[in-house]
C-alpha atoms as a PDB file:
ATOM      1  CA  MET A   1      -3.801   5.426  17.243  1.00  0.00           C
ATOM      2  CA  PHE A   2      -4.169   4.969  13.490  1.00  0.00           C
ATOM      3  CA  ALA A   3      -3.151   6.880  10.383  1.00  0.00           C
ATOM      4  CA  ILE A   4      -4.224   7.118   6.769  1.00  0.00           C
ATOM      5  CA  ILE A   5      -1.260   6.962   4.371  1.00  0.00           C
ATOM      6  CA  GLN A   6      -1.112   7.240   0.596  1.00  0.00           C
ATOM      7  CA  THR A   7       1.278   5.290  -1.595  1.00  0.00           C
ATOM      8  CA  GLY A   8       0.974   4.018  -5.139  1.00  0.00           C
ATOM      9  CA  GLY A   9      -2.161   6.085  -5.743  1.00  0.00           C
ATOM     10  CA  LYS A  10      -4.083   4.238  -3.006  1.00  0.00           C
ATOM     11  CA  GLN A  11      -4.874   5.072   0.595  1.00  0.00           C
ATOM     12  CA  TYR A  12      -4.413   2.668   3.504  1.00  0.00           C
ATOM     13  CA  ARG A  13      -5.555   2.769   7.143  1.00  0.00           C
ATOM     14  CA  VAL A  14      -2.641   1.545   9.283  1.00  0.00           C
ATOM     15  CA  GLN A  15      -1.831   0.957  12.947  1.00  0.00           C
ATOM     16  CA  GLU A  16       1.389   0.007  14.669  1.00  0.00           C
ATOM     17  CA  GLY A  17       2.262  -3.628  13.935  1.00  0.00           C
ATOM     18  CA  ASP A  18       0.233  -3.918  10.698  1.00  0.00           C
ATOM     19  CA  VAL A  19       1.782  -5.633   7.676  1.00  0.00           C
ATOM     20  CA  ILE A  20       0.270  -4.369   4.417  1.00  0.00           C
ATOM     21  CA  ARG A  21       0.925  -4.982   0.724  1.00  0.00           C
ATOM     22  CA  VAL A  22       1.398  -1.819  -1.334  1.00  0.00           C
ATOM     23  CA  GLU A  23       2.472  -1.091  -4.911  1.00  0.00           C
ATOM     24  CA  SER A  24       6.169  -1.771  -5.522  1.00  0.00           C
ATOM     25  CA  LEU A  25       8.566   0.514  -3.638  1.00  0.00           C
ATOM     26  CA  GLN A  26      12.326   0.950  -3.878  1.00  0.00           C
ATOM     27  CA  GLY A  27      14.468  -0.665  -1.194  1.00  0.00           C
ATOM     28  CA  GLU A  28      15.643  -4.017   0.067  1.00  0.00           C
ATOM     29  CA  ALA A  29      14.132  -6.142   2.829  1.00  0.00           C
ATOM     30  CA  GLY A  30      14.957  -4.548   6.177  1.00  0.00           C
ATOM     31  CA  ASP A  31      15.146  -0.966   4.857  1.00  0.00           C
ATOM     32  CA  LYS A  32      13.327   1.708   6.855  1.00  0.00           C
ATOM     33  CA  LEU A  33      10.759   4.046   5.284  1.00  0.00           C
ATOM     34  CA  ASP A  34       9.210   7.278   6.530  1.00  0.00           C
ATOM     35  CA  LEU A  35       5.717   7.902   5.174  1.00  0.00           C
ATOM     36  CA  THR A  36       3.712  11.108   5.524  1.00  0.00           C
ATOM     37  CA  PRO A  37       0.151  10.564   6.809  1.00  0.00           C
ATOM     38  CA  LEU A  38      -2.909  12.313   5.390  1.00  0.00           C
ATOM     39  CA  PHE A  39      -4.909  11.845   8.604  1.00  0.00           C
ATOM     40  CA  VAL A  40      -4.146  10.752  12.153  1.00  0.00           C
ATOM     41  CA  GLY A  41      -6.880   9.442  14.433  1.00  0.00           C
ATOM     42  CA  GLY A  42      -7.204   8.026  17.893  1.00  0.00           C
ATOM     43  CA  ASP A  43      -8.124  10.083  20.946  1.00  0.00           C
ATOM     44  CA  LYS A  44      -8.338  13.141  18.662  1.00  0.00           C
ATOM     45  CA  ALA A  45      -8.712  13.379  14.901  1.00  0.00           C
ATOM     46  CA  LEU A  46      -5.966  15.417  13.236  1.00  0.00           C
ATOM     47  CA  PHE A  47      -5.697  16.459   9.607  1.00  0.00           C
ATOM     48  CA  GLY A  48      -4.341  19.349   7.560  1.00  0.00           C
ATOM     49  CA  ASP A  49      -1.454  21.339   9.067  1.00  0.00           C
ATOM     50  CA  ALA A  50      -1.592  19.470  12.392  1.00  0.00           C
ATOM     51  CA  VAL A  51      -0.617  16.219  10.661  1.00  0.00           C
ATOM     52  CA  ALA A  52       2.532  17.760   9.144  1.00  0.00           C
ATOM     53  CA  LYS A  53       4.366  17.065  12.419  1.00  0.00           C
ATOM     54  CA  PHE A  54       3.608  13.320  12.255  1.00  0.00           C
ATOM     55  CA  VAL A  55       5.515  10.591  10.448  1.00  0.00           C
ATOM     56  CA  VAL A  56       4.720   6.897   9.971  1.00  0.00           C
ATOM     57  CA  ASN A  57       7.777   4.673  10.354  1.00  0.00           C
ATOM     58  CA  ALA A  58       7.752   1.466   8.298  1.00  0.00           C
ATOM     59  CA  GLU A  59      10.090  -1.350   7.347  1.00  0.00           C
ATOM     60  CA  VAL A  60      10.230  -3.281   4.062  1.00  0.00           C
ATOM     61  CA  VAL A  61       9.434  -6.934   4.775  1.00  0.00           C
ATOM     62  CA  GLU A  62       9.509  -8.466   1.289  1.00  0.00           C
ATOM     63  CA  HIS A  63       8.944  -7.955  -2.410  1.00  0.00           C
ATOM     64  CA  GLY A  64       6.773 -10.330  -4.379  1.00  0.00           C
ATOM     65  CA  ARG A  65       4.137 -10.883  -7.010  1.00  0.00           C
ATOM     66  CA  GLY A  66       0.425 -11.333  -6.400  1.00  0.00           C
ATOM     67  CA  GLU A  67      -1.852 -14.063  -7.677  1.00  0.00           C
ATOM     68  CA  LYS A  68      -2.437 -14.371 -11.387  1.00  0.00           C
ATOM     69  CA  ILE A  69      -5.503 -12.600 -12.725  1.00  0.00           C
ATOM     70  CA  TYR A  70      -6.919 -13.843 -16.017  1.00  0.00           C
ATOM     71  CA  ILE A  71      -8.427 -11.411 -18.507  1.00  0.00           C
ATOM     72  CA  ARG A  72     -10.817 -12.781 -21.117  1.00  0.00           C
ATOM     73  CA  LYS A  73     -12.058 -10.958 -24.204  1.00  0.00           C
ATOM     74  CA  TYR A  74     -14.918 -12.301 -26.291  1.00  0.00           C
ATOM     75  CA  LYS A  75     -16.945 -11.081 -29.247  1.00  0.00           C
ATOM     76  CA  SER A  76     -19.927 -13.139 -30.279  1.00  0.00           C
ATOM     77  CA  GLY A  77     -20.403 -14.183 -33.861  1.00  0.00           C
ATOM     78  CA  VAL A  78     -16.853 -13.558 -35.088  1.00  0.00           C
ATOM     79  CA  GLN A  79     -14.973 -16.306 -33.216  1.00  0.00           C
ATOM     80  CA  TYR A  80     -12.837 -13.746 -31.379  1.00  0.00           C
ATOM     81  CA  ARG A  81     -11.488 -15.019 -28.063  1.00  0.00           C
ATOM     82  CA  ARG A  82      -8.398 -13.868 -26.139  1.00  0.00           C
ATOM     83  CA  ARG A  83      -7.078 -14.853 -22.743  1.00  0.00           C
ATOM     84  CA  THR A  84      -4.156 -13.143 -21.044  1.00  0.00           C
ATOM     85  CA  GLY A  85      -2.862 -13.081 -17.496  1.00  0.00           C
ATOM     86  CA  HIS A  86      -1.348 -10.492 -15.172  1.00  0.00           C
ATOM     87  CA  ARG A  87       0.554 -10.636 -11.872  1.00  0.00           C
ATOM     88  CA  GLN A  88       0.959  -7.369  -9.976  1.00  0.00           C
ATOM     89  CA  ASP A  89       4.244  -6.671  -8.169  1.00  0.00           C
ATOM     90  CA  TYR A  90       3.941  -5.665  -4.513  1.00  0.00           C
ATOM     91  CA  THR A  91       6.020  -4.680  -1.512  1.00  0.00           C
ATOM     92  CA  ALA A  92       4.991  -5.861   1.964  1.00  0.00           C
ATOM     93  CA  ILE A  93       5.733  -3.260   4.637  1.00  0.00           C
ATOM     94  CA  LYS A  94       5.418  -3.452   8.419  1.00  0.00           C
ATOM     95  CA  ILE A  95       4.307  -0.365  10.320  1.00  0.00           C
ATOM     96  CA  LEU A  96       6.741   0.226  13.182  1.00  0.00           C
ATOM     97  CA  GLY A  97       5.075   3.266  14.705  1.00  0.00           C
ATOM     98  CA  ILE A  98       3.297   6.601  14.283  1.00  0.00           C
ATOM     99  CA  LYS A  99       5.409   9.384  15.756  1.00  0.00           C
ATOM    100  CA  GLY A 100       4.597  13.040  16.168  1.00  0.00           C
END
């Protein structure tokens, strides 16, 4: 059985036991989360009102920062060059189960 969840403006396909990195969430390592699925699939595909009875149980594993991404700006002929970097914060969560 799998579910599609939405968090941080992105959608993720998850199964029991998956560890995924999502946008930063509140909570300490070991805290439990209940996420509402958009779609549940497996033997049957469920969406809409039928999914309202389901919940995805998750646990916060860690908080961290991703790899550095460099952004370069360049304009030819005017000696304009800029380089900046960015590291996105993330929260790793482990999917404990899909209940419904």
